[in-house]
Amino acid sequence: MPVAGGWLTSLTNPSAHLWSVAKQLFEAVDFMHQHGVAHMDLKPNNILIPVNGGRLTVIDFNRSLRVKGVEHRFRGVVGTPEYIAPEVAAGNGLYSAIRADLWSCGKTLEELCDKCRPSTDRNTLLEISWQLWMKTRKSDR
């Protein structure tokens, strides 16, 4: 499928598209999980969007896993180091691939927010990304 645009963090005016992009990212991740797929390598370089805004596209499902639900557990380190959930990076136990995706989604959202000017919207989305990091980690202990 041809996709025009660039990586998520290459938006020309990310502040103007922040809520739309965040909503689309959450919808895309939810859609994958509802259909039994954990991406396992969510990061800005695997999320494409038209440079001036529009519908985003998640790409590169090479590391994706079929999942039966949030409690379905896996073992092994999968993903790009800066975007791997800590419980995955530790490599010493079973983890929820869905929760790992949510952690990576939060990390990706935080990176997008870093490209935006300070605002209430940005602060709200940074809080959401922090919650994704903390809640997913606590759930896998």
C-alpha atoms as a PDB file:
ATOM      1  CA  MET A   1       0.000   0.000   0.000  1.00  0.00           C
ATOM      2  CA  PRO A   2       1.590   3.327  -0.978  1.00  0.00           C
ATOM      3  CA  VAL A   3       1.840   5.838   1.838  1.00  0.00           C
ATOM      4  CA  ALA A   4       2.848   9.468   1.328  1.00  0.00           C
ATOM      5  CA  GLY A   5       4.444  11.347   4.153  1.00  0.00           C
ATOM      6  CA  GLY A   6       7.056  10.817   6.784  1.00  0.00           C
ATOM      7  CA  TRP A   7       7.655   9.515  10.234  1.00  0.00           C
ATOM      8  CA  LEU A   8       5.384  10.614  13.019  1.00  0.00           C
ATOM      9  CA  THR A   9       7.965  13.034  14.402  1.00  0.00           C
ATOM     10  CA  SER A  10       8.465  14.744  11.017  1.00  0.00           C
ATOM     11  CA  LEU A  11       5.136  16.607  11.060  1.00  0.00           C
ATOM     12  CA  THR A  12       5.677  20.197   9.951  1.00  0.00           C
ATOM     13  CA  ASN A  13       3.433  21.593  12.713  1.00  0.00           C
ATOM     14  CA  PRO A  14       2.995  18.857  15.327  1.00  0.00           C
ATOM     15  CA  SER A  15       1.249  21.158  17.828  1.00  0.00           C
ATOM     16  CA  ALA A  16      -1.599  21.736  15.365  1.00  0.00           C
ATOM     17  CA  HIS A  17      -2.127  17.995  14.888  1.00  0.00           C
ATOM     18  CA  LEU A  18      -1.303  16.698  18.381  1.00  0.00           C
ATOM     19  CA  TRP A  19      -4.797  15.617  19.519  1.00  0.00           C
ATOM     20  CA  SER A  20      -5.721  14.155  16.132  1.00  0.00           C
ATOM     21  CA  VAL A  21      -2.499  12.183  15.871  1.00  0.00           C
ATOM     22  CA  ALA A  22      -2.674  10.949  19.479  1.00  0.00           C
ATOM     23  CA  LYS A  23      -6.277   9.805  18.973  1.00  0.00           C
ATOM     24  CA  GLN A  24      -5.352   7.994  15.758  1.00  0.00           C
ATOM     25  CA  LEU A  25      -2.383   6.326  17.446  1.00  0.00           C
ATOM     26  CA  PHE A  26      -4.565   5.082  20.304  1.00  0.00           C
ATOM     27  CA  GLU A  27      -7.199   3.864  17.825  1.00  0.00           C
ATOM     28  CA  ALA A  28      -4.581   2.040  15.725  1.00  0.00           C
ATOM     29  CA  VAL A  29      -3.046   0.301  18.745  1.00  0.00           C
ATOM     30  CA  ASP A  30      -6.488  -0.605  20.088  1.00  0.00           C
ATOM     31  CA  PHE A  31      -7.504  -1.989  16.676  1.00  0.00           C
ATOM     32  CA  MET A  32      -4.404  -4.207  16.544  1.00  0.00           C
ATOM     33  CA  HIS A  33      -4.960  -5.481  20.069  1.00  0.00           C
ATOM     34  CA  GLN A  34      -8.690  -6.092  19.498  1.00  0.00           C
ATOM     35  CA  HIS A  35      -7.707  -8.212  16.488  1.00  0.00           C
ATOM     36  CA  GLY A  36      -5.140 -10.261  18.404  1.00  0.00           C
ATOM     37  CA  VAL A  37      -1.950  -8.543  17.259  1.00  0.00           C
ATOM     38  CA  ALA A  38       0.754  -6.959  19.403  1.00  0.00           C
ATOM     39  CA  HIS A  39       3.117  -4.891  17.242  1.00  0.00           C
ATOM     40  CA  MET A  40       6.164  -5.173  19.545  1.00  0.00           C
ATOM     41  CA  ASP A  41       8.122  -2.419  17.769  1.00  0.00           C
ATOM     42  CA  LEU A  42       5.989   0.717  18.089  1.00  0.00           C
ATOM     43  CA  LYS A  43       8.150   3.783  17.570  1.00  0.00           C
ATOM     44  CA  PRO A  44       8.017   7.004  15.537  1.00  0.00           C
ATOM     45  CA  ASN A  45       9.848   5.384  12.605  1.00  0.00           C
ATOM     46  CA  ASN A  46       7.090   2.757  12.333  1.00  0.00           C
ATOM     47  CA  ILE A  47       4.302   5.311  12.258  1.00  0.00           C
ATOM     48  CA  LEU A  48       3.873   7.255   9.034  1.00  0.00           C
ATOM     49  CA  ILE A  49       1.704  10.304   8.558  1.00  0.00           C
ATOM     50  CA  PRO A  50       1.253  12.817   5.744  1.00  0.00           C
ATOM     51  CA  VAL A  51       3.601  15.727   6.480  1.00  0.00           C
ATOM     52  CA  ASN A  52       0.756  18.242   6.779  1.00  0.00           C
ATOM     53  CA  GLY A  53      -1.490  15.956   8.830  1.00  0.00           C
ATOM     54  CA  GLY A  54      -3.954  13.233   7.927  1.00  0.00           C
ATOM     55  CA  ARG A  55      -4.482   9.555   8.739  1.00  0.00           C
ATOM     56  CA  LEU A  56      -1.497   7.784  10.196  1.00  0.00           C
ATOM     57  CA  THR A  57      -0.303   4.348   9.132  1.00  0.00           C
ATOM     58  CA  VAL A  58       1.442   1.821  11.380  1.00  0.00           C
ATOM     59  CA  ILE A  59       4.092  -0.126   9.447  1.00  0.00           C
ATOM     60  CA  ASP A  60       6.654  -2.896   9.989  1.00  0.00           C
ATOM     61  CA  PHE A  61       4.881  -5.837  11.555  1.00  0.00           C
ATOM     62  CA  ASN A  62       8.008  -8.039  11.322  1.00  0.00           C
ATOM     63  CA  ARG A  63       8.188  -8.474  15.100  1.00  0.00           C
ATOM     64  CA  SER A  64       4.475  -8.624  15.786  1.00  0.00           C
ATOM     65  CA  LEU A  65       2.944 -11.411  17.845  1.00  0.00           C
ATOM     66  CA  ARG A  66      -0.472 -13.042  17.830  1.00  0.00           C
ATOM     67  CA  VAL A  67      -2.054 -12.552  21.237  1.00  0.00           C
ATOM     68  CA  LYS A  68      -5.108 -14.037  22.914  1.00  0.00           C
ATOM     69  CA  GLY A  69      -5.531 -11.106  25.300  1.00  0.00           C
ATOM     70  CA  VAL A  70      -3.749  -8.862  27.749  1.00  0.00           C
ATOM     71  CA  GLU A  71      -2.857 -11.781  30.030  1.00  0.00           C
ATOM     72  CA  HIS A  72      -1.221 -13.810  27.223  1.00  0.00           C
ATOM     73  CA  ARG A  73       2.465 -13.948  28.208  1.00  0.00           C
ATOM     74  CA  PHE A  74       5.664 -14.074  26.167  1.00  0.00           C
ATOM     75  CA  ARG A  75       9.367 -14.405  26.808  1.00  0.00           C
ATOM     76  CA  GLY A  76      12.282 -12.881  24.898  1.00  0.00           C
ATOM     77  CA  VAL A  77      13.535  -9.435  23.999  1.00  0.00           C
ATOM     78  CA  VAL A  78      11.751  -7.962  20.973  1.00  0.00           C
ATOM     79  CA  GLY A  79      11.832  -4.422  19.581  1.00  0.00           C
ATOM     80  CA  THR A  80      14.053  -1.369  19.279  1.00  0.00           C
ATOM     81  CA  PRO A  81      16.075  -0.686  22.453  1.00  0.00           C
ATOM     82  CA  GLU A  82      14.845   2.873  23.152  1.00  0.00           C
ATOM     83  CA  TYR A  83      11.203   1.797  22.782  1.00  0.00           C
ATOM     84  CA  ILE A  84      11.197  -1.556  24.570  1.00  0.00           C
ATOM     85  CA  ALA A  85       9.209  -1.752  27.785  1.00  0.00           C
ATOM     86  CA  PRO A  86      11.491  -2.353  30.796  1.00  0.00           C
ATOM     87  CA  GLU A  87       9.953  -5.752  31.563  1.00  0.00           C
ATOM     88  CA  VAL A  88      10.751  -6.860  27.993  1.00  0.00           C
ATOM     89  CA  ALA A  89      14.278  -5.408  28.040  1.00  0.00           C
ATOM     90  CA  ALA A  90      15.023  -7.206  31.307  1.00  0.00           C
ATOM     91  CA  GLY A  91      14.646 -10.502  29.442  1.00  0.00           C
ATOM     92  CA  ASN A  92      14.217 -12.487  32.636  1.00  0.00           C
ATOM     93  CA  GLY A  93      10.560 -13.371  32.732  1.00  0.00           C
ATOM     94  CA  LEU A  94       7.208 -13.500  31.049  1.00  0.00           C
ATOM     95  CA  TYR A  95       5.472 -10.291  30.014  1.00  0.00           C
ATOM     96  CA  SER A  96       2.242  -9.130  28.401  1.00  0.00           C
ATOM     97  CA  ALA A  97       2.890  -8.131  24.772  1.00  0.00           C
ATOM     98  CA  ILE A  98      -0.163  -5.870  24.864  1.00  0.00           C
ATOM     99  CA  ARG A  99       1.128  -4.026  27.927  1.00  0.00           C
ATOM    100  CA  ALA A 100       4.557  -3.766  26.278  1.00  0.00           C
ATOM    101  CA  ASP A 101       2.901  -2.166  23.234  1.00  0.00           C
ATOM    102  CA  LEU A 102       1.099   0.320  25.488  1.00  0.00           C
ATOM    103  CA  TRP A 103       4.403   1.278  27.110  1.00  0.00           C
ATOM    104  CA  SER A 104       5.941   1.842  23.659  1.00  0.00           C
ATOM    105  CA  CYS A 105       2.867   3.827  22.625  1.00  0.00           C
ATOM    106  CA  GLY A 106       3.418   6.097  25.644  1.00  0.00           C
ATOM    107  CA  LYS A 107       7.094   6.522  24.765  1.00  0.00           C
ATOM    108  CA  THR A 108       6.193   7.392  21.166  1.00  0.00           C
ATOM    109  CA  LEU A 109       3.567   9.882  22.290  1.00  0.00           C
ATOM    110  CA  GLU A 110       6.083  11.504  24.646  1.00  0.00           C
ATOM    111  CA  GLU A 111       8.518  11.932  21.766  1.00  0.00           C
ATOM    112  CA  LEU A 112       5.831  13.613  19.676  1.00  0.00           C
ATOM    113  CA  CYS A 113       4.956  15.938  22.569  1.00  0.00           C
ATOM    114  CA  ASP A 114       8.624  16.915  22.857  1.00  0.00           C
ATOM    115  CA  LYS A 115       8.330  18.383  19.343  1.00  0.00           C
ATOM    116  CA  CYS A 116       5.341  20.537  20.349  1.00  0.00           C
ATOM    117  CA  ARG A 117       5.241  23.925  21.982  1.00  0.00           C
ATOM    118  CA  PRO A 118       4.119  24.037  25.638  1.00  0.00           C
ATOM    119  CA  SER A 119       0.340  23.893  26.028  1.00  0.00           C
ATOM    120  CA  THR A 120      -2.383  22.343  28.144  1.00  0.00           C
ATOM    121  CA  ASP A 121      -2.954  19.719  25.418  1.00  0.00           C
ATOM    122  CA  ARG A 122       0.720  18.793  25.390  1.00  0.00           C
ATOM    123  CA  ASN A 123       0.802  18.544  29.189  1.00  0.00           C
ATOM    124  CA  THR A 124      -2.314  16.342  29.199  1.00  0.00           C
ATOM    125  CA  LEU A 125      -0.833  13.978  26.621  1.00  0.00           C
ATOM    126  CA  LEU A 126       2.472  13.849  28.491  1.00  0.00           C
ATOM    127  CA  GLU A 127       0.509  12.821  31.593  1.00  0.00           C
ATOM    128  CA  ILE A 128      -1.230  10.090  29.580  1.00  0.00           C
ATOM    129  CA  SER A 129       2.127   8.829  28.293  1.00  0.00           C
ATOM    130  CA  TRP A 130       3.498   8.744  31.844  1.00  0.00           C
ATOM    131  CA  GLN A 131       0.437   6.784  32.989  1.00  0.00           C
ATOM    132  CA  LEU A 132       0.947   4.277  30.179  1.00  0.00           C
ATOM    133  CA  TRP A 133       4.541   3.734  31.337  1.00  0.00           C
ATOM    134  CA  MET A 134       3.663   3.356  34.998  1.00  0.00           C
ATOM    135  CA  LYS A 135       0.459   1.307  34.738  1.00  0.00           C
ATOM    136  CA  THR A 136       1.860  -1.200  32.293  1.00  0.00           C
ATOM    137  CA  ARG A 137       4.932  -1.784  34.461  1.00  0.00           C
ATOM    138  CA  LYS A 138       2.949  -2.250  37.683  1.00  0.00           C
ATOM    139  CA  SER A 139       0.627  -4.737  35.968  1.00  0.00           C
ATOM    140  CA  ASP A 140       3.442  -7.070  34.947  1.00  0.00           C
ATOM    141  CA  ARG A 141       5.075  -7.424  38.333  1.00  0.00           C
END
